[in-house]
Protein backbone atom coordinates (compact mmCIF):
# COMPACT_ATOMS: atom_id res chain seq x y z
CA MET A 1 -30.72 15.00 25.11
CA LYS A 2 -27.87 14.25 22.38
CA LYS A 3 -27.62 10.33 21.79
CA ASP A 4 -24.40 8.41 21.45
CA TYR A 5 -24.05 6.69 18.06
CA GLU A 6 -22.06 3.83 16.62
CA ILE A 7 -20.85 4.23 12.84
CA ILE A 8 -21.36 1.06 10.64
CA ILE A 9 -18.95 0.67 7.69
CA GLY A 10 -18.75 -1.82 4.57
CA LEU A 11 -16.38 -1.50 1.71
CA GLU A 12 -16.93 -2.90 -1.47
CA VAL A 13 -13.10 -2.80 -3.09
CA HIS A 14 -12.54 -2.54 -7.19
CA ALA A 15 -8.99 -3.77 -8.04
CA GLU A 16 -7.91 -3.84 -11.71
CA LEU A 17 -5.84 -7.05 -12.48
CA ASN A 18 -2.70 -6.86 -14.25
CA THR A 19 -2.94 -9.70 -16.67
CA LYS A 20 -1.66 -8.92 -20.06
CA SER A 21 -5.03 -9.06 -21.93
CA LYS A 22 -8.42 -7.96 -21.02
CA ILE A 23 -11.21 -10.47 -19.56
CA PHE A 24 -13.01 -11.54 -22.69
CA CYS A 25 -10.91 -10.32 -25.55
CA THR A 26 -7.05 -10.56 -26.46
CA CYS A 27 -6.98 -6.33 -26.18
CA LYS A 28 -3.98 -5.36 -24.26
CA ASN A 29 -4.68 -4.69 -20.53
CA ALA A 30 -2.83 -1.74 -20.42
CA PHE A 31 -3.35 1.86 -18.66
CA GLY A 32 -3.37 5.11 -20.91
CA GLY A 33 -2.49 4.93 -24.74
CA GLU A 34 -4.64 7.17 -27.22
CA VAL A 35 -8.22 7.33 -26.86
CA ASN A 36 -10.25 4.24 -28.25
CA ALA A 37 -7.06 2.75 -29.57
CA ASN A 38 -7.12 0.01 -27.01
CA CYS A 39 -10.37 -1.52 -27.88
CA CYS A 40 -12.24 -4.10 -30.12
CA PRO A 41 -15.74 -5.06 -31.12
CA VAL A 42 -15.45 -7.61 -28.34
CA CYS A 43 -14.99 -5.21 -25.49
CA THR A 44 -17.18 -2.60 -26.86
CA GLY A 45 -20.06 -5.04 -27.30
CA MET A 46 -20.38 -4.92 -31.18
CA PRO A 47 -23.28 -7.07 -32.55
CA GLY A 48 -22.57 -10.60 -33.10
CA THR A 49 -19.50 -10.79 -30.87
CA LEU A 50 -18.86 -13.43 -28.31
CA PRO A 51 -16.92 -13.19 -25.19
CA VAL A 52 -14.18 -15.58 -24.36
CA LEU A 53 -13.16 -15.80 -20.42
CA ASN A 54 -9.25 -15.06 -19.58
CA GLU A 55 -8.43 -17.92 -17.25
CA GLN A 56 -5.91 -15.96 -15.52
CA VAL A 57 -8.52 -13.57 -14.24
CA VAL A 58 -10.21 -16.56 -12.42
CA TYR A 59 -6.85 -17.86 -10.62
CA SER A 60 -6.10 -14.49 -9.72
CA CYS A 61 -9.33 -14.20 -7.93
CA ILE A 62 -8.81 -17.40 -6.31
CA ARG A 63 -5.56 -16.51 -4.76
CA MET A 64 -7.09 -13.40 -3.41
CA GLY A 65 -9.58 -15.70 -1.89
CA HIS A 66 -7.18 -18.21 -0.78
CA ALA A 67 -5.52 -14.95 1.09
CA LEU A 68 -8.60 -14.07 2.83
CA GLY A 69 -9.72 -17.52 4.03
CA CYS A 70 -12.69 -17.40 1.72
CA THR A 71 -14.72 -20.82 0.42
CA ILE A 72 -13.55 -21.35 -3.13
CA HIS A 73 -16.51 -22.20 -5.36
CA ASN A 74 -14.55 -24.07 -8.25
CA ILE A 75 -17.87 -24.35 -10.25
CA CYS A 76 -19.76 -21.08 -10.91
CA LYS A 77 -21.14 -18.97 -13.48
CA GLN A 78 -21.12 -15.41 -14.69
CA ASP A 79 -24.28 -13.03 -14.83
CA ARG A 80 -25.41 -10.08 -16.53
CA LYS A 81 -26.15 -6.63 -14.67
CA ASN A 82 -28.13 -4.64 -16.61
CA TYR A 83 -28.18 -0.81 -16.46
CA PHE A 84 -27.59 1.91 -18.74
CA TYR A 85 -24.71 4.27 -18.69
CA PRO A 86 -22.93 6.05 -21.58
CA ASP A 87 -19.77 4.54 -20.67
CA LEU A 88 -21.04 0.99 -20.73
CA PRO A 89 -21.98 0.18 -24.60
CA LYS A 90 -23.29 -3.21 -23.95
CA ALA A 91 -26.06 -1.75 -21.54
CA TYR A 92 -24.81 -4.49 -19.01
CA GLN A 93 -21.96 -5.63 -17.33
CA ILE A 94 -20.69 -9.18 -17.13
CA SER A 95 -20.41 -9.92 -13.32
CA GLN A 96 -21.36 -12.33 -10.92
CA PHE A 97 -24.42 -12.22 -8.64
CA ASP A 98 -25.35 -15.28 -6.79
CA VAL A 99 -22.29 -17.64 -7.27
CA PRO A 100 -19.21 -15.83 -6.78
CA LEU A 101 -15.83 -17.54 -7.00
CA CYS A 102 -15.25 -16.68 -3.61
CA GLU A 103 -17.11 -15.84 -0.34
CA ASN A 104 -17.39 -16.23 3.54
CA GLY A 105 -14.10 -15.00 4.27
CA ALA A 106 -12.45 -12.96 6.71
CA LEU A 107 -9.11 -10.30 7.16
CA GLU A 108 -7.29 -9.42 10.28
CA VAL A 109 -6.17 -6.04 10.40
CA MET A 110 -3.63 -4.47 12.78
CA LEU A 111 -4.87 -1.71 14.89
CA ASP A 112 -2.06 -0.36 16.85
CA ASP A 113 1.88 -0.45 17.67
CA GLU A 114 1.05 -3.24 20.26
CA GLY A 115 -0.09 -5.70 17.61
CA HIS A 116 -3.98 -5.26 18.79
CA THR A 117 -6.06 -6.71 15.84
CA LYS A 118 -9.50 -6.71 14.89
CA THR A 119 -11.26 -9.45 12.25
CA ILE A 120 -13.27 -8.06 9.43
CA GLY A 121 -15.80 -10.43 7.35
CA VAL A 122 -15.46 -10.52 3.44
CA THR A 123 -18.73 -11.40 2.21
CA ARG A 124 -17.54 -12.33 -1.18
CA ILE A 125 -15.06 -12.02 -3.98
CA HIS A 126 -16.26 -12.18 -7.78
CA ILE A 127 -14.79 -11.10 -11.26
CA GLU A 128 -16.00 -8.60 -13.58
CA GLU A 129 -15.29 -6.33 -16.36
CA ASP A 130 -14.61 -2.76 -16.22
CA ALA A 131 -16.74 0.14 -17.90
CA GLY A 132 -15.39 2.76 -20.29
CA LYS A 133 -14.60 6.53 -18.93
CA LEU A 134 -16.13 9.59 -19.60
CA ILE A 135 -14.15 12.63 -20.39
CA HIS A 136 -16.35 15.56 -19.96
CA ASP A 137 -15.14 19.05 -21.66
CA ASP A 138 -13.82 21.71 -19.83
CA ASN A 139 -16.48 23.96 -20.48
CA PHE A 140 -19.37 21.64 -19.45
CA SER A 141 -20.72 21.59 -23.21
CA GLY A 142 -20.64 17.83 -23.71
CA SER A 143 -18.61 14.94 -22.71
CA LEU A 144 -16.71 12.20 -24.87
CA VAL A 145 -16.36 8.62 -23.99
CA ASP A 146 -12.97 6.49 -23.93
CA PHE A 147 -13.58 2.75 -24.69
CA ASN A 148 -9.80 1.82 -23.79
CA ARG A 149 -10.98 0.82 -19.83
CA CYS A 150 -13.86 -1.42 -21.49
CA GLY A 151 -13.29 -5.24 -20.30
CA VAL A 152 -10.45 -4.24 -18.15
CA PRO A 153 -10.69 -7.47 -15.67
CA LEU A 154 -11.75 -6.60 -12.03
CA ILE A 155 -12.10 -8.32 -8.76
CA GLU A 156 -14.69 -6.92 -6.41
CA ILE A 157 -13.88 -7.76 -2.68
CA VAL A 158 -17.28 -7.09 -0.63
CA SER A 159 -16.55 -6.64 3.02
CA GLU A 160 -19.35 -7.20 6.00
CA PRO A 161 -20.52 -4.24 7.85
CA ASP A 162 -17.97 -4.95 10.65
CA MET A 163 -15.94 -1.46 10.87
CA ARG A 164 -16.89 0.97 13.37
CA SER A 165 -14.58 3.92 12.41
CA SER A 166 -12.67 5.31 9.59
CA ALA A 167 -9.44 4.39 11.05
CA GLU A 168 -10.74 0.58 10.97
CA ALA A 169 -11.47 1.18 7.64
CA LYS A 170 -8.29 2.55 6.40
CA ALA A 171 -6.47 -0.28 8.15
CA TYR A 172 -8.55 -2.67 6.18
CA LEU A 173 -8.01 -1.03 3.08
CA ASP A 174 -4.18 -0.93 3.71
CA THR A 175 -4.31 -4.49 4.22
CA ILE A 176 -6.02 -5.29 1.20
CA LYS A 177 -3.78 -3.18 -0.99
CA SER A 178 -0.72 -4.81 0.50
CA ILE A 179 -2.05 -8.28 0.02
CA LEU A 180 -2.99 -7.66 -3.72
CA GLN A 181 0.58 -6.46 -4.33
CA TYR A 182 2.28 -9.63 -2.53
CA LEU A 183 0.07 -11.74 -4.76
CA ASN A 184 1.10 -9.50 -7.69
CA ILE A 185 -2.25 -9.69 -9.33
CA SER A 186 -2.66 -5.94 -9.03
CA ASP A 187 -0.34 -2.94 -9.40
CA CYS A 188 -2.80 -1.02 -7.02
CA LYS A 189 -1.85 2.32 -8.72
CA MET A 190 -4.57 4.70 -7.40
CA GLN A 191 -3.70 7.43 -9.56
CA GLU A 192 -4.45 5.44 -12.65
CA GLY A 193 -7.77 3.85 -10.63
CA SER A 194 -6.41 0.28 -10.42
CA ILE A 195 -7.83 0.08 -6.87
CA ARG A 196 -10.98 2.18 -5.82
CA CYS A 197 -13.87 1.78 -3.46
CA ASP A 198 -17.53 2.25 -2.91
CA VAL A 199 -18.39 2.97 1.00
CA ASN A 200 -21.22 1.84 2.82
CA VAL A 201 -22.07 4.13 5.96
CA SER A 202 -25.03 3.97 8.68
CA VAL A 203 -25.26 5.11 11.74
CA ARG A 204 -27.42 3.66 15.15
CA PRO A 205 -27.77 4.78 18.89
CA VAL A 206 -25.43 2.74 20.83
CA GLY A 207 -27.26 -0.19 22.21
CA GLN A 208 -29.27 -0.62 19.34
CA LYS A 209 -29.12 -3.84 17.62
CA GLU A 210 -30.79 -2.92 14.18
CA PHE A 211 -28.52 -1.12 11.45
CA GLY A 212 -29.68 2.12 10.44
CA THR A 213 -30.49 2.88 6.97
CA ARG A 214 -27.21 3.02 4.83
CA VAL A 215 -25.99 5.24 2.23
CA GLU A 216 -23.37 4.24 -0.42
CA MET A 217 -20.33 6.76 -1.94
CA LYS A 218 -19.27 5.67 -5.05
CA ASN A 219 -15.86 5.46 -6.53
CA VAL A 220 -13.85 6.98 -3.72
CA ASN A 221 -10.11 7.32 -5.18
CA SER A 222 -7.96 7.39 -2.57
CA PHE A 223 -7.76 5.88 1.05
CA SER A 224 -7.43 9.14 2.67
CA ALA A 225 -10.41 10.48 0.75
CA ALA A 226 -12.51 7.39 2.44
CA VAL A 227 -11.40 8.39 5.54
CA ARG A 228 -12.56 11.65 4.92
CA ALA A 229 -15.68 10.71 3.15
CA ILE A 230 -16.93 8.17 5.81
CA ASP A 231 -16.23 10.83 8.91
CA TYR A 232 -18.44 13.46 6.88
CA GLU A 233 -21.06 11.20 6.01
CA ALA A 234 -21.52 9.88 9.52
CA ALA A 235 -21.71 13.46 10.77
CA ARG A 236 -24.28 14.41 8.35
CA GLN A 237 -26.50 11.00 9.25
CA ILE A 238 -26.16 11.82 12.70
CA GLU A 239 -27.14 15.77 12.40
CA LEU A 240 -30.09 14.75 10.17
CA LEU A 241 -31.43 12.17 12.98
CA GLU A 242 -30.72 14.44 15.73
CA ASP A 243 -33.00 17.21 14.02
CA GLY A 244 -35.72 14.70 13.69
CA GLY A 245 -35.25 13.75 10.23
CA HIS A 246 -34.52 10.23 8.84
CA VAL A 247 -31.83 8.72 6.54
CA VAL A 248 -32.67 8.09 2.68
CA GLN A 249 -31.14 5.09 0.97
CA GLU A 250 -29.23 6.76 -1.68
CA THR A 251 -26.01 6.71 -3.58
CA ARG A 252 -23.90 9.72 -3.02
CA LYS A 253 -20.88 10.93 -4.84
CA TRP A 254 -17.73 12.09 -2.55
CA ASN A 255 -16.25 15.43 -3.78
CA ASP A 256 -12.99 15.51 -2.17
CA ALA A 257 -11.97 18.92 -3.08
CA ILE A 258 -14.84 20.69 -0.90
CA GLY A 259 -14.85 17.69 1.44
CA GLU A 260 -18.45 17.23 1.17
CA ASN A 261 -20.69 14.73 -0.68
CA MET A 262 -23.87 15.20 -2.74
CA VAL A 263 -26.74 12.86 -4.17
CA LEU A 264 -26.15 10.84 -7.29
CA ARG A 265 -29.29 8.61 -7.27
CA SER A 266 -31.64 6.89 -5.16
CA LYS A 267 -29.99 3.39 -4.08
CA GLU A 268 -30.64 0.32 -6.57
CA ASP A 269 -31.39 -3.00 -4.97
CA ALA A 270 -30.09 -6.31 -6.66
CA GLN A 271 -33.63 -6.26 -8.31
CA ASP A 272 -32.97 -3.14 -10.03
CA TYR A 273 -30.10 -4.57 -12.22
CA ARG A 274 -32.40 -7.80 -13.47
CA TYR A 275 -29.37 -10.09 -13.06
CA PHE A 276 -29.50 -13.39 -15.41
CA PRO A 277 -27.16 -15.74 -15.98
CA GLU A 278 -24.58 -14.56 -19.01
CA PRO A 279 -25.81 -17.00 -21.90
CA ASP A 280 -22.59 -16.44 -24.03
CA LEU A 281 -20.10 -17.74 -21.47
CA LEU A 282 -19.75 -21.61 -20.47
CA THR A 283 -19.88 -22.69 -16.56
CA ILE A 284 -16.84 -21.81 -14.81
CA VAL A 285 -15.00 -25.01 -13.70
CA VAL A 286 -11.67 -25.10 -11.95
CA PRO A 287 -10.27 -28.35 -10.90
CA GLN A 288 -10.05 -28.80 -7.24
CA GLU A 289 -6.15 -29.81 -7.92
CA LYS A 290 -5.75 -26.29 -9.58
CA VAL A 291 -7.39 -24.48 -6.66
CA ASP A 292 -5.12 -26.46 -4.14
CA ALA A 293 -1.65 -25.79 -6.49
CA LEU A 294 -2.86 -21.97 -6.08
CA ARG A 295 -3.27 -22.39 -2.31
CA ALA A 296 0.36 -23.81 -2.09
CA GLU A 297 1.99 -21.08 -4.16
CA GLN A 298 0.57 -18.33 -1.68
CA PRO A 299 3.52 -16.23 -0.49
CA GLU A 300 3.99 -14.95 3.23
CA LEU A 301 1.48 -12.12 3.49
CA PRO A 302 1.94 -8.67 4.84
CA ASN A 303 0.15 -9.03 8.27
CA ALA A 304 2.29 -12.38 9.12
CA ARG A 305 5.33 -10.42 7.96
CA CYS A 306 4.56 -7.51 9.93
CA LYS A 307 3.90 -9.41 13.26
CA ARG A 308 7.35 -11.25 12.16
CA TYR A 309 9.32 -8.06 11.76
CA MET A 310 7.69 -6.71 15.35
CA PHE A 311 8.06 -9.70 17.41
CA GLU A 312 10.76 -11.80 16.07
CA ASN A 313 13.31 -8.97 14.77
CA LYS A 314 11.68 -6.53 17.54
CA LEU A 315 11.56 -3.40 14.94
CA PRO A 316 9.03 -0.91 15.87
CA ARG A 317 5.46 -1.04 14.14
CA PHE A 318 6.59 2.16 11.85
CA ASP A 319 9.56 0.25 10.52
CA ALA A 320 8.01 -2.70 10.06
CA ASN A 321 5.43 -1.07 8.12
CA LEU A 322 7.99 0.62 5.77
CA LEU A 323 9.35 -2.94 5.03
CA VAL A 324 5.95 -4.61 4.63
CA GLU A 325 4.66 -1.95 2.09
CA ASN A 326 7.57 -2.62 -0.16
CA ARG A 327 7.91 -6.37 -0.66
CA ASP A 328 11.12 -6.34 -2.51
CA ARG A 329 12.49 -4.13 0.36
CA GLY A 330 11.18 -6.70 2.47
CA ASP A 331 13.11 -9.65 0.66
CA LEU A 332 16.21 -7.55 0.82
CA PHE A 333 16.12 -7.10 4.52
CA ASP A 334 15.15 -10.74 5.26
CA ALA A 335 18.24 -11.77 3.30
CA ALA A 336 20.50 -9.40 5.15
CA ALA A 337 19.58 -10.22 8.37
CA ALA A 338 19.63 -14.15 7.41
CA LEU A 339 23.75 -12.71 6.66
CA GLY A 340 24.10 -11.57 10.22
CA ALA A 341 22.96 -7.91 9.69
CA PRO A 342 21.54 -6.30 13.14
CA ALA A 343 17.54 -5.90 12.04
CA LYS A 344 17.27 -2.42 13.11
CA ALA A 345 20.58 -1.10 11.24
CA ALA A 346 19.47 -2.92 8.12
CA ALA A 347 16.01 -1.70 8.55
CA ASN A 348 17.34 2.12 9.25
CA TRP A 349 19.51 1.73 6.03
CA LEU A 350 16.72 0.44 3.91
CA ASN A 351 13.90 2.82 4.98
CA GLY A 352 16.12 5.91 4.88
CA ASP A 353 19.13 6.22 2.74
CA VAL A 354 18.06 3.41 0.20
CA ALA A 355 14.55 4.45 0.00
CA ARG A 356 15.45 8.30 -0.26
CA LEU A 357 17.89 7.36 -3.17
CA LEU A 358 15.23 5.22 -5.17
CA GLY A 359 12.75 7.86 -4.69
CA GLU A 360 15.17 10.82 -5.82
CA ARG A 361 15.69 8.51 -9.21
CA GLY A 362 12.10 7.11 -9.68
CA LEU A 363 13.46 3.55 -9.31
CA THR A 364 13.05 0.13 -7.64
CA LEU A 365 15.48 -1.94 -6.15
CA ALA A 366 15.23 -4.24 -9.00
CA ASP A 367 17.08 -1.47 -11.19
CA THR A 368 20.22 -1.01 -8.86
CA LYS A 369 23.02 -3.41 -8.09
CA LEU A 370 22.41 -3.76 -3.93
CA THR A 371 22.40 -7.07 -2.71
CA ALA A 372 21.87 -8.38 0.85
CA GLU A 373 25.44 -9.23 0.85
CA SER A 374 26.62 -5.77 0.11
CA LEU A 375 24.25 -4.22 2.48
CA ALA A 376 25.34 -6.87 5.26
CA GLU A 377 29.08 -6.24 4.48
CA MET A 378 28.68 -2.38 4.67
CA ILE A 379 26.64 -2.47 8.08
CA ASP A 380 29.53 -4.75 9.41
CA ALA A 381 31.95 -2.29 8.46
CA ILE A 382 30.32 0.39 10.53
CA GLU A 383 29.78 -1.83 13.43
CA LYS A 384 33.32 -2.72 13.41
CA LYS A 385 34.16 1.01 13.32
CA THR A 386 36.14 0.53 10.11
CA ILE A 387 33.86 3.34 8.78
CA SER A 388 31.76 5.93 10.02
CA ASN A 389 28.18 6.22 9.45
CA THR A 390 28.47 9.40 7.76
CA ALA A 391 30.83 7.55 5.54
CA GLY A 392 28.21 4.76 5.18
CA LYS A 393 26.23 7.26 3.40
CA THR A 394 28.88 7.51 0.52
CA VAL A 395 29.19 3.93 0.35
CA ILE A 396 25.42 3.06 0.15
CA GLU A 397 25.13 4.75 -2.79
CA GLU A 398 28.21 3.74 -4.66
CA ILE A 399 27.18 -0.17 -3.93
CA MET A 400 23.78 0.78 -5.09
CA PHE A 401 24.45 2.04 -8.37
CA SER A 402 28.33 1.52 -9.45
CA GLY A 403 28.23 -2.21 -8.45
CA LYS A 404 31.78 -1.66 -7.01
CA SER A 405 32.03 -3.94 -3.36
CA VAL A 406 32.26 -2.41 -0.24
CA SER A 407 36.06 -2.35 0.43
CA GLU A 408 36.68 -1.26 -2.98
CA VAL A 409 34.47 1.99 -2.10
CA ILE A 410 36.02 2.33 1.22
CA SER A 411 39.69 1.94 -0.47
CA GLU A 412 39.06 3.99 -3.51
CA LYS A 413 37.56 7.11 -1.52
CA GLY A 414 39.72 6.85 1.44
CA LEU A 415 36.74 6.60 3.77
CA ALA A 416 38.32 4.11 6.26
CA GLN A 417 37.97 5.63 9.87
CA VAL A 418 40.61 6.73 11.94
CA SER A 419 40.93 5.07 15.35
CA ASP A 420 44.56 5.48 16.13
CA THR A 421 44.28 7.52 19.72
CA GLY A 422 47.57 9.07 19.20
CA ALA A 423 46.59 10.61 15.89
CA LEU A 424 43.34 11.76 17.13
CA ARG A 425 44.82 13.17 20.12
CA SER A 426 46.74 15.68 18.33
CA VAL A 427 43.61 16.65 16.47
CA VAL A 428 41.38 17.25 19.46
CA GLU A 429 44.43 19.45 21.18
CA GLU A 430 44.24 21.57 18.14
CA VAL A 431 40.40 21.95 18.32
CA LEU A 432 40.38 22.66 21.85
CA SER A 433 42.78 25.28 21.23
CA LYS A 434 40.90 27.17 18.69
CA ASN A 435 37.63 26.90 20.59
CA GLU A 436 38.08 28.21 24.13
CA LYS A 437 34.89 29.89 24.05
CA ALA A 438 32.96 26.29 23.93
CA VAL A 439 35.45 24.66 26.60
CA GLY A 440 34.61 27.56 29.09
CA GLU A 441 30.90 26.97 28.20
CA TYR A 442 31.32 22.95 28.71
CA LYS A 443 33.12 23.47 32.08
CA ALA A 444 30.33 26.09 33.06
CA GLY A 445 27.82 22.88 32.82
CA LYS A 446 26.84 23.45 29.21
CA THR A 447 27.68 19.81 27.99
CA ASN A 448 25.73 19.87 25.02
CA VAL A 449 28.58 21.68 23.52
CA ILE A 450 30.77 18.84 23.10
CA GLY A 451 28.52 17.94 19.96
CA PHE A 452 29.90 20.89 18.21
CA LEU A 453 33.55 20.14 19.35
CA VAL A 454 33.10 16.41 18.00
CA GLY A 455 31.90 18.02 14.85
CA GLN A 456 34.87 20.49 14.62
CA CYS A 457 37.12 17.14 15.14
CA MET A 458 35.40 15.18 12.13
CA ARG A 459 35.71 18.47 9.97
CA ALA A 460 39.46 18.18 11.04
CA THR A 461 40.05 14.69 10.14
CA LYS A 462 37.97 15.08 6.68
CA GLY A 463 34.93 13.06 8.34
CA LYS A 464 37.17 9.86 9.16
CA GLY A 465 37.87 10.22 12.61
CA ASN A 466 36.17 7.62 15.07
CA PRO A 467 33.14 10.08 16.71
CA GLU A 468 33.16 7.74 19.94
CA LEU A 469 36.73 7.89 20.35
CA LEU A 470 36.90 11.92 19.64
CA ARG A 471 34.31 12.53 22.42
CA LYS A 472 36.42 10.27 24.94
CA LEU A 473 39.41 12.31 24.00
CA LEU A 474 37.47 15.66 24.35
CA GLU A 475 36.00 15.00 27.85
CA GLU A 476 39.50 13.47 29.07
CA LEU A 477 41.64 16.63 27.66
CA ILE A 478 39.04 19.27 28.83
CA GLY A 479 38.56 17.81 32.39
């Protein structure tokens, strides 16, 4: 009889920090550029060179630690993690072992539209340097090494094995990414490798207390790929156990193109890396006053903002999430709502036409002239029936890119809505006389044709007619 199994998931998220320079040298911390042009003797580990720690890396890590409720160790050290790989020129990585900057935290993630949450433990957050990058020849005849990424500052966020489904893992990853962006410590561009994760998966029969043997999948490069990798690996382990086999602790590589993973190597334990304190760097000492000051600078974090939008502004979770995902958009929403703009209308315009126009042009809100005042004024004009929703689409584009006021755009483009009953009645009468078939269908009970007739009236008024008044007149005259 087949058993029921529980999936156990832990995640290790690596986020590149957006400091101006690398972690131990003055090389520019930037993506791209000519191969091996953005490196120096320090970040490539040349003999006789000495690293100097970038203090902003430490402060960024502490800010993330505050966001996740961690204990901050303001006295700690760095350690050498020894292993050989062609893109690691020193044959060791400077990381942190037994005394990380931050540990023993937790993250609350939202699981559904009703606001149900789950708390995921965070074991530690530590700083470390990134390795280089191997460039493989298309013909598989060899590989080249690009050292530009050597020394790029990373924080590694290690979770407790508290997740029980790929959906929970996805919610955790999305929340971590949002927090990094809200703190402005990482750009989180997955296509550039700014954020990536290692996935640890094990399974156990339901009711069993002991964890099963875990398998790690390295450098999964998208959150959707992490979901697929987790589901695949859990199914693989369950099938293996059901067939009488056993799971081997190992590191596997996820191939998203074929939806399968493959063995890379047997899983290393800490002793395999021969950690020891980094002799070329001093002890890290951060005054408690600085730790407290960094805590005081924390912004409202994504989960808190999402809950506020859902429960105070009464927005659906989908709308709230769209605002939360883009901090600038959320800030503009808050400012417009403070000026009296209805929350749902403001969210609809920002998540709809504004997002579309930005996406089409590859811009951000900062690149436009849209202000909370102009957005609130436009929404007010629609609410007061001065312009129609359709006319609003023209207005929003103009105020975003021309810098003109709402009233100027309405006047210059003649967008003011016609709400004069006498003027509209003649338009309605003419439309009815030209659409006798539709009138007959309406009288026969096919009432949805009223939408077609309203559209004809709007066309006749060049979009300026008040649609609600037109509908009322149509229903009245048809009888």
